Amino acid sequence: MKLQGKVWKFGNDVDTDLIIAARYLNSSDPAELARHCMEDADPHFALNVKPGDILVAGKNFGCGSSREHAPIAIKAAGISCVVAKSFARIFYRNAFNIGLPIFECPELIDELNEGDTISVDANTGTIVNLTTGKEYQAAPIPDFMRQIIGAGGLINYVKGRVNQGV
């Protein structure tokens, strides 16, 4: 699985309230959540993000509450993956549960500019800044987790396996 897109860059400790503010948690509709994704961090994000774009952030991305609304909002906004120095544990799990690929690559954020275009190879973990030509290495996503992402999340993955009699 190869992903490529324009970079949206954020800093350290982006919490789930910045990803999707609590005032929007009365909805679980992905399209509605997407309209407000990152609104308190960058009011123009949801209006300007394009399908396939990539969100890049510093350390501890997704800290705060355990709401699944946060990765749902990111995925529904069209973000193809998130690359960060590190992720909060519960966000990490929730992202894979809903089929949002995420990658830890501590070196990338400091050498990247918003608007750069990067490609991410989920099989190898190779990230290339297509703007500068510089290459980085993140941990590749294990095969079984790529299967979960490919199914669109854990629930769809389990349904598929049950339907196959596995």
C-alpha atoms as a PDB file:
ATOM      1  CA  MET A   1       0.000   0.000   0.000  1.00  0.00           C
ATOM      2  CA  LYS A   2       1.509   3.315  -1.114  1.00  0.00           C
ATOM      3  CA  LEU A   3       0.115   6.662  -0.051  1.00  0.00           C
ATOM      4  CA  GLN A   4       1.022  10.079  -1.399  1.00  0.00           C
ATOM      5  CA  GLY A   5      -0.199  13.544  -0.558  1.00  0.00           C
ATOM      6  CA  LYS A   6       0.354  17.116   0.509  1.00  0.00           C
ATOM      7  CA  VAL A   7       1.524  17.628   4.086  1.00  0.00           C
ATOM      8  CA  TRP A   8      -0.509  19.373   6.762  1.00  0.00           C
ATOM      9  CA  LYS A   9       1.899  19.981   9.657  1.00  0.00           C
ATOM     10  CA  PHE A  10       0.990  20.278  13.339  1.00  0.00           C
ATOM     11  CA  GLY A  11       3.071  20.408  16.521  1.00  0.00           C
ATOM     12  CA  ASN A  12       3.407  18.376  19.696  1.00  0.00           C
ATOM     13  CA  ASP A  13       0.624  17.210  22.011  1.00  0.00           C
ATOM     14  CA  VAL A  14      -2.267  17.635  19.576  1.00  0.00           C
ATOM     15  CA  ASP A  15      -5.083  16.316  21.727  1.00  0.00           C
ATOM     16  CA  THR A  16      -8.392  14.826  20.684  1.00  0.00           C
ATOM     17  CA  ASP A  17     -10.168  18.102  21.548  1.00  0.00           C
ATOM     18  CA  LEU A  18      -8.091  19.854  18.886  1.00  0.00           C
ATOM     19  CA  ILE A  19      -8.744  17.073  16.384  1.00  0.00           C
ATOM     20  CA  ILE A  20     -12.521  17.222  16.964  1.00  0.00           C
ATOM     21  CA  ALA A  21     -13.888  19.592  19.585  1.00  0.00           C
ATOM     22  CA  ALA A  22     -16.233  18.218  22.263  1.00  0.00           C
ATOM     23  CA  ARG A  23     -19.038  20.466  20.991  1.00  0.00           C
ATOM     24  CA  TYR A  24     -19.329  18.181  17.935  1.00  0.00           C
ATOM     25  CA  LEU A  25     -19.438  14.870  19.775  1.00  0.00           C
ATOM     26  CA  ASN A  26     -23.226  14.730  19.647  1.00  0.00           C
ATOM     27  CA  SER A  27     -22.763  13.396  16.100  1.00  0.00           C
ATOM     28  CA  SER A  28     -21.189  10.142  15.004  1.00  0.00           C
ATOM     29  CA  ASP A  29     -21.691  10.920  11.301  1.00  0.00           C
ATOM     30  CA  PRO A  30     -18.247  10.817   9.667  1.00  0.00           C
ATOM     31  CA  ALA A  31     -19.128  13.538   7.134  1.00  0.00           C
ATOM     32  CA  GLU A  32     -20.267  15.890   9.906  1.00  0.00           C
ATOM     33  CA  LEU A  33     -17.121  15.188  11.957  1.00  0.00           C
ATOM     34  CA  ALA A  34     -14.958  15.799   8.859  1.00  0.00           C
ATOM     35  CA  ARG A  35     -16.437  19.298   8.459  1.00  0.00           C
ATOM     36  CA  HIS A  36     -15.014  20.205  11.874  1.00  0.00           C
ATOM     37  CA  CYS A  37     -11.762  18.224  11.824  1.00  0.00           C
ATOM     38  CA  MET A  38      -8.826  20.193  13.301  1.00  0.00           C
ATOM     39  CA  GLU A  39     -11.087  23.270  13.438  1.00  0.00           C
ATOM     40  CA  ASP A  40      -9.635  24.616  16.700  1.00  0.00           C
ATOM     41  CA  ALA A  41      -6.038  24.008  15.564  1.00  0.00           C
ATOM     42  CA  ASP A  42      -6.470  25.379  12.020  1.00  0.00           C
ATOM     43  CA  PRO A  43      -9.856  26.862  11.081  1.00  0.00           C
ATOM     44  CA  HIS A  44      -9.065  26.422   7.354  1.00  0.00           C
ATOM     45  CA  PHE A  45      -8.037  22.771   7.520  1.00  0.00           C
ATOM     46  CA  ALA A  46     -11.412  21.138   6.834  1.00  0.00           C
ATOM     47  CA  LEU A  47     -12.143  23.609   4.028  1.00  0.00           C
ATOM     48  CA  ASN A  48      -8.835  23.068   2.232  1.00  0.00           C
ATOM     49  CA  VAL A  49      -7.772  19.477   2.890  1.00  0.00           C
ATOM     50  CA  LYS A  50      -7.921  17.243  -0.192  1.00  0.00           C
ATOM     51  CA  PRO A  51      -8.431  13.478  -0.391  1.00  0.00           C
ATOM     52  CA  GLY A  52      -5.073  11.761  -0.001  1.00  0.00           C
ATOM     53  CA  ASP A  53      -3.403  14.570   1.947  1.00  0.00           C
ATOM     54  CA  ILE A  54      -1.207  13.534   4.871  1.00  0.00           C
ATOM     55  CA  LEU A  55      -1.263  14.899   8.408  1.00  0.00           C
ATOM     56  CA  VAL A  56       2.171  15.138  10.057  1.00  0.00           C
ATOM     57  CA  ALA A  57       2.664  16.021  13.723  1.00  0.00           C
ATOM     58  CA  GLY A  58       5.093  16.034  16.610  1.00  0.00           C
ATOM     59  CA  LYS A  59       5.100  13.862  19.699  1.00  0.00           C
ATOM     60  CA  ASN A  60       2.086  12.506  21.578  1.00  0.00           C
ATOM     61  CA  PHE A  61      -0.434  12.998  18.762  1.00  0.00           C
ATOM     62  CA  GLY A  62      -3.994  12.141  19.795  1.00  0.00           C
ATOM     63  CA  CYS A  63      -3.491  12.546  23.541  1.00  0.00           C
ATOM     64  CA  GLY A  64      -6.455  13.330  25.746  1.00  0.00           C
ATOM     65  CA  SER A  65      -9.717  11.441  25.768  1.00  0.00           C
ATOM     66  CA  SER A  66     -10.244   8.030  24.233  1.00  0.00           C
ATOM     67  CA  ARG A  67     -12.918   9.137  21.755  1.00  0.00           C
ATOM     68  CA  GLU A  68     -12.997   7.305  18.439  1.00  0.00           C
ATOM     69  CA  HIS A  69     -14.431  10.470  16.903  1.00  0.00           C
ATOM     70  CA  ALA A  70     -10.887  11.840  16.466  1.00  0.00           C
ATOM     71  CA  PRO A  71      -9.493   9.282  13.995  1.00  0.00           C
ATOM     72  CA  ILE A  72     -12.910   9.037  12.324  1.00  0.00           C
ATOM     73  CA  ALA A  73     -12.888  12.806  11.693  1.00  0.00           C
ATOM     74  CA  ILE A  74      -9.352  12.635  10.249  1.00  0.00           C
ATOM     75  CA  LYS A  75     -10.154   9.708   7.960  1.00  0.00           C
ATOM     76  CA  ALA A  76     -13.485  11.186   6.848  1.00  0.00           C
ATOM     77  CA  ALA A  77     -11.752  14.495   6.038  1.00  0.00           C
ATOM     78  CA  GLY A  78      -9.771  12.592   3.389  1.00  0.00           C
ATOM     79  CA  ILE A  79      -6.445  12.250   5.166  1.00  0.00           C
ATOM     80  CA  SER A  80      -4.761   9.097   3.829  1.00  0.00           C
ATOM     81  CA  CYS A  81      -2.482   8.609   6.845  1.00  0.00           C
ATOM     82  CA  VAL A  82      -0.938  10.329   9.844  1.00  0.00           C
ATOM     83  CA  VAL A  83       2.811  10.444  10.490  1.00  0.00           C
ATOM     84  CA  ALA A  84       4.001  11.642  13.900  1.00  0.00           C
ATOM     85  CA  LYS A  85       6.979  11.483  16.235  1.00  0.00           C
ATOM     86  CA  SER A  86       4.767   9.449  18.567  1.00  0.00           C
ATOM     87  CA  PHE A  87       1.108   8.711  19.258  1.00  0.00           C
ATOM     88  CA  ALA A  88      -0.956   8.492  22.402  1.00  0.00           C
ATOM     89  CA  ARG A  89      -1.619   4.812  23.046  1.00  0.00           C
ATOM     90  CA  ILE A  90      -5.422   4.946  22.820  1.00  0.00           C
ATOM     91  CA  PHE A  91      -5.348   7.037  19.616  1.00  0.00           C
ATOM     92  CA  TYR A  92      -2.935   4.509  18.086  1.00  0.00           C
ATOM     93  CA  ARG A  93      -5.366   1.667  18.762  1.00  0.00           C
ATOM     94  CA  ASN A  94      -8.453   3.655  17.702  1.00  0.00           C
ATOM     95  CA  ALA A  95      -6.804   4.673  14.422  1.00  0.00           C
ATOM     96  CA  PHE A  96      -6.209   1.071  13.381  1.00  0.00           C
ATOM     97  CA  ASN A  97      -9.640   0.047  14.675  1.00  0.00           C
ATOM     98  CA  ILE A  98     -11.297   2.420  12.177  1.00  0.00           C
ATOM     99  CA  GLY A  99      -8.809   1.739   9.361  1.00  0.00           C
ATOM    100  CA  LEU A 100      -6.650   4.888   9.497  1.00  0.00           C
ATOM    101  CA  PRO A 101      -2.973   4.100   8.789  1.00  0.00           C
ATOM    102  CA  ILE A 102      -0.509   5.812  11.126  1.00  0.00           C
ATOM    103  CA  PHE A 103       3.291   5.812  11.202  1.00  0.00           C
ATOM    104  CA  GLU A 104       5.852   6.842  13.801  1.00  0.00           C
ATOM    105  CA  CYS A 105       8.847   8.630  12.307  1.00  0.00           C
ATOM    106  CA  PRO A 106      10.557  10.974  14.795  1.00  0.00           C
ATOM    107  CA  GLU A 107      13.008  12.460  12.261  1.00  0.00           C
ATOM    108  CA  LEU A 108      10.463  13.536   9.658  1.00  0.00           C
ATOM    109  CA  ILE A 109       8.608  16.386  11.372  1.00  0.00           C
ATOM    110  CA  ASP A 110      11.662  18.573  11.954  1.00  0.00           C
ATOM    111  CA  GLU A 111      12.755  18.438   8.308  1.00  0.00           C
ATOM    112  CA  LEU A 112       9.390  18.851   6.654  1.00  0.00           C
ATOM    113  CA  ASN A 113       7.479  21.945   5.606  1.00  0.00           C
ATOM    114  CA  GLU A 114       3.734  22.271   5.387  1.00  0.00           C
ATOM    115  CA  GLY A 115       2.761  21.900   1.758  1.00  0.00           C
ATOM    116  CA  ASP A 116       5.574  19.462   0.909  1.00  0.00           C
ATOM    117  CA  THR A 117       4.437  16.307  -0.860  1.00  0.00           C
ATOM    118  CA  ILE A 118       5.440  12.970   0.649  1.00  0.00           C
ATOM    119  CA  SER A 119       4.911   9.333  -0.238  1.00  0.00           C
ATOM    120  CA  VAL A 120       4.537   6.590   2.349  1.00  0.00           C
ATOM    121  CA  ASP A 121       5.005   2.891   1.646  1.00  0.00           C
ATOM    122  CA  ALA A 122       3.016   1.070   4.330  1.00  0.00           C
ATOM    123  CA  ASN A 123       4.661  -2.264   3.469  1.00  0.00           C
ATOM    124  CA  THR A 124       8.227  -1.072   4.047  1.00  0.00           C
ATOM    125  CA  GLY A 125       7.729   2.054   6.195  1.00  0.00           C
ATOM    126  CA  THR A 126       9.712   4.113   3.677  1.00  0.00           C
ATOM    127  CA  ILE A 127       8.694   7.773   3.563  1.00  0.00           C
ATOM    128  CA  VAL A 128      10.043  10.028   0.819  1.00  0.00           C
ATOM    129  CA  ASN A 129       9.741  13.798   0.804  1.00  0.00           C
ATOM    130  CA  LEU A 130       9.056  14.235  -2.897  1.00  0.00           C
ATOM    131  CA  THR A 131       9.691  17.979  -2.563  1.00  0.00           C
ATOM    132  CA  THR A 132      13.284  17.544  -1.326  1.00  0.00           C
ATOM    133  CA  GLY A 133      14.056  13.926  -2.282  1.00  0.00           C
ATOM    134  CA  LYS A 134      15.014  13.027   1.298  1.00  0.00           C
ATOM    135  CA  GLU A 135      14.092   9.533   2.521  1.00  0.00           C
ATOM    136  CA  TYR A 136      13.038   8.466   6.025  1.00  0.00           C
ATOM    137  CA  GLN A 137      12.262   5.159   7.676  1.00  0.00           C
ATOM    138  CA  ALA A 138       9.203   4.473   9.815  1.00  0.00           C
ATOM    139  CA  ALA A 139       8.216   1.090  11.149  1.00  0.00           C
ATOM    140  CA  PRO A 140       6.211  -0.760   8.489  1.00  0.00           C
ATOM    141  CA  ILE A 141       2.653  -1.743   9.349  1.00  0.00           C
ATOM    142  CA  PRO A 142       2.504  -5.469  10.137  1.00  0.00           C
ATOM    143  CA  ASP A 143       0.600  -7.601   7.632  1.00  0.00           C
ATOM    144  CA  PHE A 144      -2.377  -8.370   9.882  1.00  0.00           C
ATOM    145  CA  MET A 145      -2.811  -4.648  10.631  1.00  0.00           C
ATOM    146  CA  ARG A 146      -2.635  -3.836   6.897  1.00  0.00           C
ATOM    147  CA  GLN A 147      -5.448  -6.359   6.474  1.00  0.00           C
ATOM    148  CA  ILE A 148      -7.506  -4.479   9.081  1.00  0.00           C
ATOM    149  CA  ILE A 149      -6.843  -1.186   7.258  1.00  0.00           C
ATOM    150  CA  GLY A 150      -7.680  -2.789   3.906  1.00  0.00           C
ATOM    151  CA  ALA A 151     -11.005  -4.006   5.305  1.00  0.00           C
ATOM    152  CA  GLY A 152     -11.843  -0.479   6.446  1.00  0.00           C
ATOM    153  CA  GLY A 153     -11.339  -1.172  10.135  1.00  0.00           C
ATOM    154  CA  LEU A 154     -11.534  -3.879  12.758  1.00  0.00           C
ATOM    155  CA  ILE A 155     -15.311  -4.404  12.630  1.00  0.00           C
ATOM    156  CA  ASN A 156     -15.292  -4.935   8.863  1.00  0.00           C
ATOM    157  CA  TYR A 157     -12.244  -7.191   9.184  1.00  0.00           C
ATOM    158  CA  VAL A 158     -13.973  -9.400  11.760  1.00  0.00           C
ATOM    159  CA  LYS A 159     -17.208  -9.488   9.726  1.00  0.00           C
ATOM    160  CA  GLY A 160     -15.228 -10.588   6.673  1.00  0.00           C
ATOM    161  CA  ARG A 161     -13.498 -13.354   8.584  1.00  0.00           C
ATOM    162  CA  VAL A 162     -16.792 -14.584  10.044  1.00  0.00           C
ATOM    163  CA  ASN A 163     -18.345 -14.588   6.567  1.00  0.00           C
ATOM    164  CA  GLN A 164     -15.380 -16.647   5.334  1.00  0.00           C
ATOM    165  CA  GLY A 165     -15.889 -19.128   8.176  1.00  0.00           C
ATOM    166  CA  VAL A 166     -12.552 -18.299   9.803  1.00  0.00           C
END
